[in-house]
PDB file of N, CA and C in Angstrom:
ATOM      1  N   UNK A   1       1.120  -0.949  -0.529  1.00  0.00           N
ATOM      2  CA  UNK A   1      -0.070   0.424   0.127  1.00  0.00           C
ATOM      3  C   UNK A   1       0.829   1.009   0.059  1.00  0.00           C
ATOM      4  N   UNK A   2       0.427   1.854  -0.893  1.00  0.00           N
ATOM      5  CA  UNK A   2       1.431   3.620  -1.030  1.00  0.00           C
ATOM      6  C   UNK A   2       0.112   4.698  -1.372  1.00  0.00           C
ATOM      7  N   UNK A   3      -0.047   5.233   0.226  1.00  0.00           N
ATOM      8  CA  UNK A   3      -0.997   6.222  -0.898  1.00  0.00           C
ATOM      9  C   UNK A   3      -0.606   7.322   0.378  1.00  0.00           C
ATOM     10  N   UNK A   4      -0.980   8.582   0.357  1.00  0.00           N
ATOM     11  CA  UNK A   4      -1.107  10.049   0.543  1.00  0.00           C
ATOM     12  C   UNK A   4      -1.283  11.013   0.741  1.00  0.00           C
ATOM     13  N   UNK A   5      -1.523  11.800   1.056  1.00  0.00           N
ATOM     14  CA  UNK A   5      -2.033  13.472   1.296  1.00  0.00           C
ATOM     15  C   UNK A   5      -0.881  13.854   2.671  1.00  0.00           C
ATOM     16  N   UNK A   6      -0.473  15.149   1.806  1.00  0.00           N
ATOM     17  CA  UNK A   6      -0.506  16.159   3.195  1.00  0.00           C
ATOM     18  C   UNK A   6      -0.631  17.464   2.641  1.00  0.00           C
ATOM     19  N   UNK A   7      -0.432  18.535   3.942  1.00  0.00           N
ATOM     20  CA  UNK A   7      -0.606  19.533   3.441  1.00  0.00           C
ATOM     21  C   UNK A   7      -0.386  20.354   2.308  1.00  0.00           C
ATOM     22  N   UNK A   8      -1.026  21.626   1.524  1.00  0.00           N
ATOM     23  CA  UNK A   8      -0.199  22.096   0.393  1.00  0.00           C
ATOM     24  C   UNK A   8       0.573  23.115   0.207  1.00  0.00           C
ATOM     25  N   UNK A   9       0.872  23.278   1.728  1.00  0.00           N
ATOM     26  CA  UNK A   9       1.960  24.328   1.907  1.00  0.00           C
ATOM     27  C   UNK A   9       1.954  23.712   3.513  1.00  0.00           C
ATOM     28  N   UNK A  10       3.601  24.306   3.836  1.00  0.00           N
ATOM     29  CA  UNK A  10       4.290  24.263   5.224  1.00  0.00           C
ATOM     30  C   UNK A  10       2.759  25.875   5.896  1.00  0.00           C
ATOM     31  N   UNK A  11       3.109  24.298   7.330  1.00  0.00           N
ATOM     32  CA  UNK A  11       1.935  25.576   7.989  1.00  0.00           C
ATOM     33  C   UNK A  11       1.657  24.970   9.627  1.00  0.00           C
ATOM     34  N   UNK A  12       1.976  25.634   9.992  1.00  0.00           N
ATOM     35  CA  UNK A  12       1.131  24.989  11.836  1.00  0.00           C
ATOM     36  C   UNK A  12       0.379  24.299  12.395  1.00  0.00           C
ATOM     37  N   UNK A  13      -0.314  22.983  12.074  1.00  0.00           N
ATOM     38  CA  UNK A  13      -0.743  21.642  12.553  1.00  0.00           C
ATOM     39  C   UNK A  13      -2.857  22.855  12.706  1.00  0.00           C
ATOM     40  N   UNK A  14      -2.424  23.874  13.733  1.00  0.00           N
ATOM     41  CA  UNK A  14      -3.378  24.689  14.473  1.00  0.00           C
ATOM     42  C   UNK A  14      -3.938  25.283  13.483  1.00  0.00           C
ATOM     43  N   UNK A  15      -3.161  25.656  12.599  1.00  0.00           N
ATOM     44  CA  UNK A  15      -3.893  26.649  11.454  1.00  0.00           C
ATOM     45  C   UNK A  15      -4.217  25.630  10.012  1.00  0.00           C
ATOM     46  N   UNK A  16      -4.390  24.513  10.498  1.00  0.00           N
ATOM     47  CA  UNK A  16      -5.431  23.420   9.845  1.00  0.00           C
ATOM     48  C   UNK A  16      -6.367  23.639   9.476  1.00  0.00           C
ATOM     49  N   UNK A  17      -7.103  23.659   8.423  1.00  0.00           N
ATOM     50  CA  UNK A  17      -8.816  23.131   8.096  1.00  0.00           C
ATOM     51  C   UNK A  17      -9.311  22.231   8.426  1.00  0.00           C
ATOM     52  N   UNK A  18     -10.981  21.566   8.844  1.00  0.00           N
ATOM     53  CA  UNK A  18     -10.977  21.127   9.830  1.00  0.00           C
ATOM     54  C   UNK A  18     -10.819  19.322   8.579  1.00  0.00           C
ATOM     55  N   UNK A  19     -11.621  20.596   7.674  1.00  0.00           N
ATOM     56  CA  UNK A  19     -11.610  19.207   6.169  1.00  0.00           C
ATOM     57  C   UNK A  19     -10.872  18.746   5.803  1.00  0.00           C
ATOM     58  N   UNK A  20      -9.567  19.865   5.939  1.00  0.00           N
ATOM     59  CA  UNK A  20      -8.232  19.283   5.618  1.00  0.00           C
ATOM     60  C   UNK A  20      -8.104  17.545   6.136  1.00  0.00           C
ATOM     61  N   UNK A  21      -8.665  18.032   7.764  1.00  0.00           N
ATOM     62  CA  UNK A  21      -7.585  17.560   8.241  1.00  0.00           C
ATOM     63  C   UNK A  21      -8.178  16.129   8.120  1.00  0.00           C
ATOM     64  N   UNK A  22      -9.721  15.860   7.875  1.00  0.00           N
ATOM     65  CA  UNK A  22     -10.495  15.459   7.507  1.00  0.00           C
ATOM     66  C   UNK A  22     -10.500  14.175   6.054  1.00  0.00           C
ATOM     67  N   UNK A  23      -9.353  15.095   4.974  1.00  0.00           N
ATOM     68  CA  UNK A  23      -9.001  14.553   3.757  1.00  0.00           C
ATOM     69  C   UNK A  23      -7.999  13.931   4.297  1.00  0.00           C
ATOM     70  N   UNK A  24      -7.110  14.393   5.038  1.00  0.00           N
ATOM     71  CA  UNK A  24      -5.658  13.280   5.459  1.00  0.00           C
ATOM     72  C   UNK A  24      -6.312  12.167   5.804  1.00  0.00           C
ATOM     73  N   UNK A  25      -7.176  12.106   6.411  1.00  0.00           N
ATOM     74  CA  UNK A  25      -7.397  10.808   7.636  1.00  0.00           C
ATOM     75  C   UNK A  25      -8.059   9.760   6.779  1.00  0.00           C
ATOM     76  N   UNK A  26      -9.152  10.927   5.959  1.00  0.00           N
ATOM     77  CA  UNK A  26      -9.495   9.076   4.954  1.00  0.00           C
ATOM     78  C   UNK A  26      -8.759   8.792   3.602  1.00  0.00           C
ATOM     79  N   UNK A  27      -8.145   9.790   3.477  1.00  0.00           N
ATOM     80  CA  UNK A  27      -7.122   9.227   2.381  1.00  0.00           C
ATOM     81  C   UNK A  27      -5.805   8.592   3.100  1.00  0.00           C
ATOM     82  N   UNK A  28      -5.090   9.246   3.832  1.00  0.00           N
ATOM     83  CA  UNK A  28      -4.002   8.445   4.933  1.00  0.00           C
ATOM     84  C   UNK A  28      -4.408   7.160   5.876  1.00  0.00           C
ATOM     85  N   UNK A  29      -5.237   7.155   5.908  1.00  0.00           N
ATOM     86  CA  UNK A  29      -5.622   6.139   7.403  1.00  0.00           C
ATOM     87  C   UNK A  29      -6.878   5.166   6.642  1.00  0.00           C
ATOM     88  N   UNK A  30      -8.020   6.126   6.875  1.00  0.00           N
ATOM     89  CA  UNK A  30      -9.121   5.055   6.309  1.00  0.00           C
ATOM     90  C   UNK A  30      -9.537   4.175   4.790  1.00  0.00           C
ATOM     91  N   UNK A  31      -8.596   4.585   3.288  1.00  0.00           N
ATOM     92  CA  UNK A  31      -8.502   4.034   2.717  1.00  0.00           C
ATOM     93  C   UNK A  31      -7.894   3.072   2.530  1.00  0.00           C
ATOM     94  N   UNK A  32      -6.364   2.888   3.189  1.00  0.00           N
ATOM     95  CA  UNK A  32      -5.411   2.210   3.545  1.00  0.00           C
ATOM     96  C   UNK A  32      -5.966   1.129   4.791  1.00  0.00           C
ATOM     97  N   UNK A  33      -6.672   0.878   5.212  1.00  0.00           N
ATOM     98  CA  UNK A  33      -7.435   0.065   6.445  1.00  0.00           C
ATOM     99  C   UNK A  33      -8.517  -0.051   4.921  1.00  0.00           C
ATOM    100  N   UNK A  34      -9.458  -0.155   4.398  1.00  0.00           N
ATOM    101  CA  UNK A  34     -10.848  -0.189   3.501  1.00  0.00           C
ATOM    102  C   UNK A  34      -9.929  -1.186   2.419  1.00  0.00           C
ATOM    103  N   UNK A  35      -8.767  -0.826   1.882  1.00  0.00           N
ATOM    104  CA  UNK A  35      -7.739  -1.712   1.100  1.00  0.00           C
ATOM    105  C   UNK A  35      -7.850  -2.991   1.422  1.00  0.00           C
ATOM    106  N   UNK A  36      -7.041  -3.089   2.530  1.00  0.00           N
ATOM    107  CA  UNK A  36      -6.319  -3.892   3.773  1.00  0.00           C
ATOM    108  C   UNK A  36      -7.359  -4.808   3.710  1.00  0.00           C
ATOM    109  N   UNK A  37      -8.144  -4.538   4.017  1.00  0.00           N
ATOM    110  CA  UNK A  37      -9.685  -5.544   4.503  1.00  0.00           C
ATOM    111  C   UNK A  37     -10.365  -6.136   3.295  1.00  0.00           C
ATOM    112  N   UNK A  38     -10.501  -5.460   2.154  1.00  0.00           N
ATOM    113  CA  UNK A  38     -10.786  -5.759   0.367  1.00  0.00           C
ATOM    114  C   UNK A  38     -10.133  -7.063   0.256  1.00  0.00           C
ATOM    115  N   UNK A  39      -8.877  -6.325   0.539  1.00  0.00           N
ATOM    116  CA  UNK A  39      -7.839  -7.385  -0.410  1.00  0.00           C
ATOM    117  C   UNK A  39      -7.029  -8.509   0.427  1.00  0.00           C
ATOM    118  N   UNK A  40      -7.621  -8.386   1.361  1.00  0.00           N
ATOM    119  CA  UNK A  40      -7.323  -9.241   2.576  1.00  0.00           C
ATOM    120  C   UNK A  40      -7.458 -11.002   2.501  1.00  0.00           C
ATOM    121  N   UNK A  41      -9.098 -11.064   2.051  1.00  0.00           N
ATOM    122  CA  UNK A  41     -10.157 -12.757   2.474  1.00  0.00           C
ATOM    123  C   UNK A  41      -9.615 -13.535   1.422  1.00  0.00           C
ATOM    124  N   UNK A  42      -9.177 -12.720   0.130  1.00  0.00           N
ATOM    125  CA  UNK A  42      -8.575 -13.494  -0.854  1.00  0.00           C
ATOM    126  C   UNK A  42      -7.322 -13.879  -0.650  1.00  0.00           C
ATOM    127  N   UNK A  43      -6.445 -13.035   0.388  1.00  0.00           N
ATOM    128  CA  UNK A  43      -5.024 -13.876   0.543  1.00  0.00           C
ATOM    129  C   UNK A  43      -5.600 -15.472   1.232  1.00  0.00           C
ATOM    130  N   UNK A  44      -5.976 -14.656   2.189  1.00  0.00           N
ATOM    131  CA  UNK A  44      -6.526 -15.734   2.767  1.00  0.00           C
ATOM    132  C   UNK A  44      -6.710 -17.175   2.958  1.00  0.00           C
ATOM    133  N   UNK A  45      -7.734 -16.477   1.327  1.00  0.00           N
ATOM    134  CA  UNK A  45      -8.108 -18.333   1.021  1.00  0.00           C
ATOM    135  C   UNK A  45      -7.433 -18.403   0.037  1.00  0.00           C
ATOM    136  N   UNK A  46      -6.684 -17.797  -0.381  1.00  0.00           N
ATOM    137  CA  UNK A  46      -5.130 -18.362  -1.327  1.00  0.00           C
ATOM    138  C   UNK A  46      -3.861 -19.218  -0.180  1.00  0.00           C
ATOM    139  N   UNK A  47      -3.681 -18.635   1.180  1.00  0.00           N
ATOM    140  CA  UNK A  47      -2.582 -18.929   1.249  1.00  0.00           C
ATOM    141  C   UNK A  47      -2.046 -18.348   1.186  1.00  0.00           C
ATOM    142  N   UNK A  48      -1.709 -17.243   0.337  1.00  0.00           N
ATOM    143  CA  UNK A  48      -0.235 -16.272  -0.135  1.00  0.00           C
ATOM    144  C   UNK A  48      -0.915 -14.753   0.074  1.00  0.00           C
ATOM    145  N   UNK A  49       0.400 -14.415   0.259  1.00  0.00           N
ATOM    146  CA  UNK A  49       0.024 -12.958  -0.400  1.00  0.00           C
ATOM    147  C   UNK A  49       0.717 -12.084   0.880  1.00  0.00           C
ATOM    148  N   UNK A  50       0.996 -11.149   0.310  1.00  0.00           N
ATOM    149  CA  UNK A  50       2.220 -10.027   1.401  1.00  0.00           C
ATOM    150  C   UNK A  50       1.673  -8.567   1.045  1.00  0.00           C
ATOM    151  N   UNK A  51       1.189  -8.014   2.978  1.00  0.00           N
ATOM    152  CA  UNK A  51       0.939  -6.883   2.145  1.00  0.00           C
ATOM    153  C   UNK A  51       2.243  -5.995   3.291  1.00  0.00           C
ATOM    154  N   UNK A  52       3.069  -4.565   1.687  1.00  0.00           N
ATOM    155  CA  UNK A  52       3.747  -3.709   2.939  1.00  0.00           C
ATOM    156  C   UNK A  52       3.303  -2.311   2.227  1.00  0.00           C
ATOM    157  N   UNK A  53       3.383  -1.852   3.817  1.00  0.00           N
ATOM    158  CA  UNK A  53       2.929  -0.473   3.331  1.00  0.00           C
ATOM    159  C   UNK A  53       4.057   0.618   3.588  1.00  0.00           C
ATOM    160  N   UNK A  54       4.030   1.456   2.441  1.00  0.00           N
ATOM    161  CA  UNK A  54       5.421   2.313   2.500  1.00  0.00           C
ATOM    162  C   UNK A  54       4.770   3.761   2.623  1.00  0.00           C
ATOM    163  N   UNK A  55       5.736   3.607   3.996  1.00  0.00           N
ATOM    164  CA  UNK A  55       5.946   4.706   4.094  1.00  0.00           C
ATOM    165  C   UNK A  55       6.527   5.958   3.797  1.00  0.00           C
ATOM    166  N   UNK A  56       5.971   7.557   3.932  1.00  0.00           N
ATOM    167  CA  UNK A  56       7.836   8.057   2.913  1.00  0.00           C
ATOM    168  C   UNK A  56       8.541   9.302   4.242  1.00  0.00           C
ATOM    169  N   UNK A  57       9.224  10.808   3.429  1.00  0.00           N
ATOM    170  CA  UNK A  57      10.630  11.086   4.496  1.00  0.00           C
ATOM    171  C   UNK A  57       9.119  11.759   4.988  1.00  0.00           C
ATOM    172  N   UNK A  58       7.968  11.317   4.520  1.00  0.00           N
ATOM    173  CA  UNK A  58       7.320  13.382   5.902  1.00  0.00           C
ATOM    174  C   UNK A  58       6.497  13.188   7.054  1.00  0.00           C
ATOM    175  N   UNK A  59       7.223  11.104   7.081  1.00  0.00           N
ATOM    176  CA  UNK A  59       6.420  10.760   8.380  1.00  0.00           C
ATOM    177  C   UNK A  59       7.862  10.724   9.490  1.00  0.00           C
ATOM    178  N   UNK A  60       8.784  11.012   9.110  1.00  0.00           N
ATOM    179  CA  UNK A  60      10.072  11.518   8.933  1.00  0.00           C
ATOM    180  C   UNK A  60      10.586  12.465   9.998  1.00  0.00           C
ATOM    181  N   UNK A  61      10.457  13.277   8.841  1.00  0.00           N
ATOM    182  CA  UNK A  61      10.641  15.240   8.514  1.00  0.00           C
ATOM    183  C   UNK A  61       9.518  16.243   9.136  1.00  0.00           C
ATOM    184  N   UNK A  62       9.408  17.019  10.014  1.00  0.00           N
ATOM    185  CA  UNK A  62       8.973  17.222  10.495  1.00  0.00           C
ATOM    186  C   UNK A  62       8.004  18.477   8.379  1.00  0.00           C
ATOM    187  N   UNK A  63       6.872  18.130   8.875  1.00  0.00           N
ATOM    188  CA  UNK A  63       6.362  19.328   7.378  1.00  0.00           C
ATOM    189  C   UNK A  63       7.414  21.054   7.981  1.00  0.00           C
ATOM    190  N   UNK A  64       7.693  21.686   6.453  1.00  0.00           N
ATOM    191  CA  UNK A  64       8.472  22.366   6.662  1.00  0.00           C
ATOM    192  C   UNK A  64       9.827  23.152   7.605  1.00  0.00           C
ATOM    193  N   UNK A  65      10.286  21.501   7.677  1.00  0.00           N
ATOM    194  CA  UNK A  65      11.922  21.308   7.743  1.00  0.00           C
ATOM    195  C   UNK A  65      12.777  22.875   7.039  1.00  0.00           C
ATOM    196  N   UNK A  66      12.474  22.129   6.309  1.00  0.00           N
ATOM    197  CA  UNK A  66      13.916  22.386   5.371  1.00  0.00           C
ATOM    198  C   UNK A  66      13.193  24.069   5.162  1.00  0.00           C
ATOM    199  N   UNK A  67      12.052  24.472   5.677  1.00  0.00           N
ATOM    200  CA  UNK A  67      12.096  26.073   5.529  1.00  0.00           C
ATOM    201  C   UNK A  67      12.256  26.962   6.220  1.00  0.00           C
ATOM    202  N   UNK A  68      12.369  26.136   6.883  1.00  0.00           N
ATOM    203  CA  UNK A  68      13.305  26.728   8.892  1.00  0.00           C
ATOM    204  C   UNK A  68      14.383  26.439   8.656  1.00  0.00           C
ATOM    205  N   UNK A  69      15.723  25.454   8.395  1.00  0.00           N
ATOM    206  CA  UNK A  69      16.399  25.311   9.606  1.00  0.00           C
ATOM    207  C   UNK A  69      16.641  24.981   8.168  1.00  0.00           C
ATOM    208  N   UNK A  70      17.393  25.453   7.612  1.00  0.00           N
ATOM    209  CA  UNK A  70      18.463  25.466   5.474  1.00  0.00           C
ATOM    210  C   UNK A  70      19.490  24.530   6.124  1.00  0.00           C
TER     211      UNK A  70
END
Protein backbone atom coordinates (compact mmCIF):
# COMPACT_ATOMS: atom_id res chain seq x y z
CA UNK A 1 0.00 0.00 0.00
CA UNK A 2 1.30 3.41 -0.86
CA UNK A 3 -1.04 6.31 -0.41
CA UNK A 4 -0.78 9.73 1.05
CA UNK A 5 -1.66 13.37 0.98
CA UNK A 6 -0.32 16.24 2.99
CA UNK A 7 -0.73 19.96 3.40
CA UNK A 8 -0.47 22.06 0.24
CA UNK A 9 2.17 24.19 1.98
CA UNK A 10 4.01 24.32 5.28
CA UNK A 11 1.86 25.44 8.17
CA UNK A 12 1.33 24.73 11.84
CA UNK A 13 -1.21 22.03 12.65
CA UNK A 14 -3.38 24.47 14.59
CA UNK A 15 -3.81 26.45 11.35
CA UNK A 16 -4.93 23.46 9.26
CA UNK A 17 -8.54 23.59 8.13
CA UNK A 18 -10.83 20.89 9.56
CA UNK A 19 -11.82 19.84 6.03
CA UNK A 20 -8.18 19.18 5.18
CA UNK A 21 -7.74 17.17 8.37
CA UNK A 22 -10.72 15.02 7.34
CA UNK A 23 -9.19 14.55 3.88
CA UNK A 24 -5.84 13.59 5.41
CA UNK A 25 -7.48 10.97 7.62
CA UNK A 26 -9.72 9.64 4.84
CA UNK A 27 -6.85 9.12 2.41
CA UNK A 28 -3.95 8.33 4.74
CA UNK A 29 -5.80 6.10 7.21
CA UNK A 30 -9.30 5.11 6.09
CA UNK A 31 -8.53 4.27 2.44
CA UNK A 32 -5.43 2.29 3.37
CA UNK A 33 -7.29 0.31 6.04
CA UNK A 34 -10.34 -0.29 3.83
CA UNK A 35 -8.22 -1.55 0.91
CA UNK A 36 -6.43 -3.96 3.23
CA UNK A 37 -9.80 -5.23 4.46
CA UNK A 38 -10.95 -5.77 0.85
CA UNK A 39 -7.94 -7.80 -0.34
CA UNK A 40 -7.19 -9.77 2.83
CA UNK A 41 -9.94 -12.42 2.52
CA UNK A 42 -8.66 -13.54 -0.92
CA UNK A 43 -5.12 -13.71 0.39
CA UNK A 44 -6.26 -15.88 3.29
CA UNK A 45 -8.29 -18.07 0.93
CA UNK A 46 -5.29 -18.59 -1.37
CA UNK A 47 -2.93 -18.90 1.60
CA UNK A 48 -0.52 -16.52 -0.06
CA UNK A 49 0.13 -12.86 -0.47
CA UNK A 50 1.80 -10.03 1.31
CA UNK A 51 0.85 -6.50 2.23
CA UNK A 52 3.61 -3.93 2.42
CA UNK A 53 2.80 -0.48 3.70
CA UNK A 54 5.18 2.15 2.39
CA UNK A 55 5.73 5.34 4.31
CA UNK A 56 7.43 8.51 3.23
CA UNK A 57 10.03 10.88 4.57
CA UNK A 58 7.15 13.15 5.55
CA UNK A 59 6.58 10.80 8.49
CA UNK A 60 10.11 11.42 9.71
CA UNK A 61 10.81 15.01 8.72
CA UNK A 62 8.34 17.63 9.95
CA UNK A 63 6.49 19.49 7.20
CA UNK A 64 8.33 22.70 6.42
CA UNK A 65 11.54 21.48 8.07
CA UNK A 66 13.75 22.69 5.23
CA UNK A 67 12.00 26.04 5.10
CA UNK A 68 12.79 26.81 8.72
CA UNK A 69 16.12 25.03 9.11
CA UNK A 70 18.15 25.22 5.87
